[in-house]
PDB file of N, CA and C in Angstrom:
ATOM      1  N   MET A   1     -23.174   8.552 -22.587  1.00  0.00           N
ATOM      2  CA  MET A   1     -22.594   9.752 -22.028  1.00  0.00           C
ATOM      3  C   MET A   1     -22.941   9.888 -20.538  1.00  0.00           C
ATOM      4  N   SER A   2     -24.094   9.382 -20.143  1.00  0.00           N
ATOM      5  CA  SER A   2     -24.475   9.491 -18.735  1.00  0.00           C
ATOM      6  C   SER A   2     -23.635   8.559 -17.857  1.00  0.00           C
ATOM      7  N   VAL A   3     -22.983   7.567 -18.483  1.00  0.00           N
ATOM      8  CA  VAL A   3     -22.119   6.660 -17.725  1.00  0.00           C
ATOM      9  C   VAL A   3     -20.926   7.431 -17.168  1.00  0.00           C
ATOM     10  N   LEU A   4     -20.469   8.446 -17.881  1.00  0.00           N
ATOM     11  CA  LEU A   4     -19.339   9.245 -17.407  1.00  0.00           C
ATOM     12  C   LEU A   4     -19.654   9.968 -16.097  1.00  0.00           C
ATOM     13  N   LEU A   5     -20.919  10.256 -15.885  1.00  0.00           N
ATOM     14  CA  LEU A   5     -21.301  10.911 -14.629  1.00  0.00           C
ATOM     15  C   LEU A   5     -21.074  10.006 -13.419  1.00  0.00           C
ATOM     16  N   TYR A   6     -21.022   8.709 -13.650  1.00  0.00           N
ATOM     17  CA  TYR A   6     -20.755   7.764 -12.569  1.00  0.00           C
ATOM     18  C   TYR A   6     -19.292   7.340 -12.527  1.00  0.00           C
ATOM     19  N   ILE A   7     -18.697   7.165 -13.686  1.00  0.00           N
ATOM     20  CA  ILE A   7     -17.341   6.618 -13.745  1.00  0.00           C
ATOM     21  C   ILE A   7     -16.286   7.640 -13.307  1.00  0.00           C
ATOM     22  N   ILE A   8     -16.422   8.876 -13.711  1.00  0.00           N
ATOM     23  CA  ILE A   8     -15.408   9.888 -13.361  1.00  0.00           C
ATOM     24  C   ILE A   8     -15.351  10.130 -11.849  1.00  0.00           C
ATOM     25  N   PRO A   9     -16.474  10.351 -11.160  1.00  0.00           N
ATOM     26  CA  PRO A   9     -16.372  10.498  -9.693  1.00  0.00           C
ATOM     27  C   PRO A   9     -15.874   9.234  -9.001  1.00  0.00           C
ATOM     28  N   LEU A  10     -16.255   8.071  -9.527  1.00  0.00           N
ATOM     29  CA  LEU A  10     -15.770   6.824  -8.943  1.00  0.00           C
ATOM     30  C   LEU A  10     -14.256   6.711  -9.094  1.00  0.00           C
ATOM     31  N   ALA A  11     -13.729   7.062 -10.258  1.00  0.00           N
ATOM     32  CA  ALA A  11     -12.284   7.009 -10.480  1.00  0.00           C
ATOM     33  C   ALA A  11     -11.567   8.014  -9.582  1.00  0.00           C
ATOM     34  N   LEU A  12     -12.127   9.197  -9.407  1.00  0.00           N
ATOM     35  CA  LEU A  12     -11.521  10.181  -8.510  1.00  0.00           C
ATOM     36  C   LEU A  12     -11.533   9.704  -7.068  1.00  0.00           C
ATOM     37  N   PHE A  13     -12.638   9.100  -6.655  1.00  0.00           N
ATOM     38  CA  PHE A  13     -12.731   8.585  -5.289  1.00  0.00           C
ATOM     39  C   PHE A  13     -11.714   7.470  -5.059  1.00  0.00           C
ATOM     40  N   LEU A  14     -11.596   6.544  -6.013  1.00  0.00           N
ATOM     41  CA  LEU A  14     -10.633   5.451  -5.856  1.00  0.00           C
ATOM     42  C   LEU A  14      -9.201   5.962  -5.858  1.00  0.00           C
ATOM     43  N   GLY A  15      -8.930   6.974  -6.662  1.00  0.00           N
ATOM     44  CA  GLY A  15      -7.595   7.566  -6.674  1.00  0.00           C
ATOM     45  C   GLY A  15      -7.262   8.240  -5.358  1.00  0.00           C
ATOM     46  N   LEU A  16      -8.216   8.955  -4.800  1.00  0.00           N
ATOM     47  CA  LEU A  16      -7.999   9.597  -3.493  1.00  0.00           C
ATOM     48  C   LEU A  16      -7.870   8.560  -2.387  1.00  0.00           C
ATOM     49  N   PHE A  17      -8.638   7.483  -2.486  1.00  0.00           N
ATOM     50  CA  PHE A  17      -8.555   6.404  -1.502  1.00  0.00           C
ATOM     51  C   PHE A  17      -7.169   5.759  -1.538  1.00  0.00           C
ATOM     52  N   TRP A  18      -6.647   5.497  -2.747  1.00  0.00           N
ATOM     53  CA  TRP A  18      -5.311   4.936  -2.887  1.00  0.00           C
ATOM     54  C   TRP A  18      -4.259   5.895  -2.347  1.00  0.00           C
ATOM     55  N   LEU A  19      -4.395   7.173  -2.657  1.00  0.00           N
ATOM     56  CA  LEU A  19      -3.429   8.171  -2.202  1.00  0.00           C
ATOM     57  C   LEU A  19      -3.424   8.267  -0.679  1.00  0.00           C
ATOM     58  N   ALA A  20      -4.596   8.235  -0.069  1.00  0.00           N
ATOM     59  CA  ALA A  20      -4.675   8.271   1.393  1.00  0.00           C
ATOM     60  C   ALA A  20      -4.010   7.035   2.003  1.00  0.00           C
ATOM     61  N   GLY A  21      -4.222   5.879   1.398  1.00  0.00           N
ATOM     62  CA  GLY A  21      -3.579   4.660   1.892  1.00  0.00           C
ATOM     63  C   GLY A  21      -2.071   4.700   1.740  1.00  0.00           C
ATOM     64  N   PHE A  22      -1.602   5.259   0.647  1.00  0.00           N
ATOM     65  CA  PHE A  22      -0.166   5.366   0.428  1.00  0.00           C
ATOM     66  C   PHE A  22       0.464   6.331   1.422  1.00  0.00           C
ATOM     67  N   ILE A  23      -0.163   7.454   1.658  1.00  0.00           N
ATOM     68  CA  ILE A  23       0.363   8.426   2.633  1.00  0.00           C
ATOM     69  C   ILE A  23       0.354   7.815   4.030  1.00  0.00           C
ATOM     70  N   TRP A  24      -0.701   7.072   4.360  1.00  0.00           N
ATOM     71  CA  TRP A  24      -0.762   6.404   5.657  1.00  0.00           C
ATOM     72  C   TRP A  24       0.384   5.404   5.798  1.00  0.00           C
ATOM     73  N   SER A  25       0.665   4.653   4.735  1.00  0.00           N
ATOM     74  CA  SER A  25       1.738   3.671   4.826  1.00  0.00           C
ATOM     75  C   SER A  25       3.098   4.340   4.961  1.00  0.00           C
ATOM     76  N   LEU A  26       3.279   5.501   4.367  1.00  0.00           N
ATOM     77  CA  LEU A  26       4.530   6.230   4.550  1.00  0.00           C
ATOM     78  C   LEU A  26       4.679   6.733   5.979  1.00  0.00           C
ATOM     79  N   LYS A  27       3.598   7.231   6.554  1.00  0.00           N
ATOM     80  CA  LYS A  27       3.664   7.780   7.910  1.00  0.00           C
ATOM     81  C   LYS A  27       3.839   6.705   8.972  1.00  0.00           C
ATOM     82  N   THR A  28       3.376   5.491   8.704  1.00  0.00           N
ATOM     83  CA  THR A  28       3.512   4.435   9.702  1.00  0.00           C
ATOM     84  C   THR A  28       4.804   3.648   9.544  1.00  0.00           C
ATOM     85  N   GLY A  29       5.651   4.033   8.592  1.00  0.00           N
ATOM     86  CA  GLY A  29       6.965   3.420   8.470  1.00  0.00           C
ATOM     87  C   GLY A  29       6.991   2.097   7.741  1.00  0.00           C
ATOM     88  N   GLN A  30       6.079   1.865   6.828  1.00  0.00           N
ATOM     89  CA  GLN A  30       6.044   0.600   6.102  1.00  0.00           C
ATOM     90  C   GLN A  30       7.241   0.424   5.179  1.00  0.00           C
ATOM     91  N   TYR A  31       7.856   1.497   4.746  1.00  0.00           N
ATOM     92  CA  TYR A  31       8.950   1.424   3.788  1.00  0.00           C
ATOM     93  C   TYR A  31      10.298   1.759   4.421  1.00  0.00           C
ATOM     94  N   GLU A  32      10.410   1.685   5.725  1.00  0.00           N
ATOM     95  CA  GLU A  32      11.640   2.067   6.398  1.00  0.00           C
ATOM     96  C   GLU A  32      12.747   1.021   6.237  1.00  0.00           C
ATOM     97  N   ASP A  33      12.429  -0.240   6.397  1.00  0.00           N
ATOM     98  CA  ASP A  33      13.449  -1.290   6.394  1.00  0.00           C
ATOM     99  C   ASP A  33      13.199  -2.254   5.246  1.00  0.00           C
ATOM    100  N   LEU A  34      13.640  -1.893   4.062  1.00  0.00           N
ATOM    101  CA  LEU A  34      13.394  -2.740   2.896  1.00  0.00           C
ATOM    102  C   LEU A  34      14.339  -3.936   2.836  1.00  0.00           C
ATOM    103  N   GLU A  35      15.540  -3.806   3.373  1.00  0.00           N
ATOM    104  CA  GLU A  35      16.498  -4.904   3.315  1.00  0.00           C
ATOM    105  C   GLU A  35      16.312  -5.897   4.456  1.00  0.00           C
ATOM    106  N   GLY A  36      15.710  -5.489   5.541  1.00  0.00           N
ATOM    107  CA  GLY A  36      15.534  -6.375   6.688  1.00  0.00           C
ATOM    108  C   GLY A  36      14.674  -7.579   6.371  1.00  0.00           C
ATOM    109  N   ALA A  37      13.594  -7.373   5.640  1.00  0.00           N
ATOM    110  CA  ALA A  37      12.715  -8.492   5.291  1.00  0.00           C
ATOM    111  C   ALA A  37      13.420  -9.480   4.372  1.00  0.00           C
ATOM    112  N   ALA A  38      14.236  -8.971   3.479  1.00  0.00           N
ATOM    113  CA  ALA A  38      14.969  -9.856   2.568  1.00  0.00           C
ATOM    114  C   ALA A  38      16.008 -10.673   3.329  1.00  0.00           C
ATOM    115  N   ARG A  39      16.598 -10.111   4.342  1.00  0.00           N
ATOM    116  CA  ARG A  39      17.627 -10.839   5.108  1.00  0.00           C
ATOM    117  C   ARG A  39      17.016 -11.804   6.110  1.00  0.00           C
ATOM    118  N   ARG A  40      15.806 -11.528   6.580  1.00  0.00           N
ATOM    119  CA  ARG A  40      15.164 -12.426   7.542  1.00  0.00           C
ATOM    120  C   ARG A  40      14.820 -13.774   6.927  1.00  0.00           C
ATOM    121  N   ILE A  41      14.746 -13.844   5.615  1.00  0.00           N
ATOM    122  CA  ILE A  41      14.469 -15.115   4.955  1.00  0.00           C
ATOM    123  C   ILE A  41      15.581 -16.114   5.240  1.00  0.00           C
ATOM    124  N   PHE A  42      16.800 -15.619   5.319  1.00  0.00           N
ATOM    125  CA  PHE A  42      17.961 -16.490   5.465  1.00  0.00           C
ATOM    126  C   PHE A  42      18.268 -16.851   6.914  1.00  0.00           C
ATOM    127  N   LEU A  43      17.592 -16.247   7.870  1.00  0.00           N
ATOM    128  CA  LEU A  43      17.817 -16.573   9.281  1.00  0.00           C
ATOM    129  C   LEU A  43      17.133 -17.902   9.603  1.00  0.00           C
ATOM    130  N   ASP A  44      17.821 -18.717  10.321  1.00  0.00           N
ATOM    131  CA  ASP A  44      17.269 -20.028  10.691  1.00  0.00           C
ATOM    132  C   ASP A  44      16.758 -19.940  12.120  1.00  0.00           C
ATOM    133  N   GLU A  45      15.486 -19.746  12.277  1.00  0.00           N
ATOM    134  CA  GLU A  45      14.864 -19.669  13.599  1.00  0.00           C
ATOM    135  C   GLU A  45      13.889 -20.827  13.746  1.00  0.00           C
ATOM    136  N   ASP A  46      14.425 -21.995  13.940  1.00  0.00           N
ATOM    137  CA  ASP A  46      13.599 -23.176  14.065  1.00  0.00           C
ATOM    138  C   ASP A  46      13.167 -23.335  15.518  1.00  0.00           C
ATOM    139  N   ASP A  47      11.895 -23.211  15.791  1.00  0.00           N
ATOM    140  CA  ASP A  47      11.368 -23.299  17.161  1.00  0.00           C
ATOM    141  C   ASP A  47      10.888 -24.697  17.528  1.00  0.00           C
ATOM    142  N   HIS A  48      11.135 -25.688  16.702  1.00  0.00           N
ATOM    143  CA  HIS A  48      10.608 -27.033  16.961  1.00  0.00           C
ATOM    144  C   HIS A  48      11.446 -27.738  17.973  1.00  0.00           C
TER     145      HIS A  48
END
């Protein structure tokens, strides 16, 4: 039962850490151009 005293706060901290990272990624525009990365695969930019 004393293990719950460590696991519950740890789970809450990790959840808040994930949420902060997700909000940060939304604010910095990580999800703005989802199709651009898929189309860049097909571009032939050979610099050799």
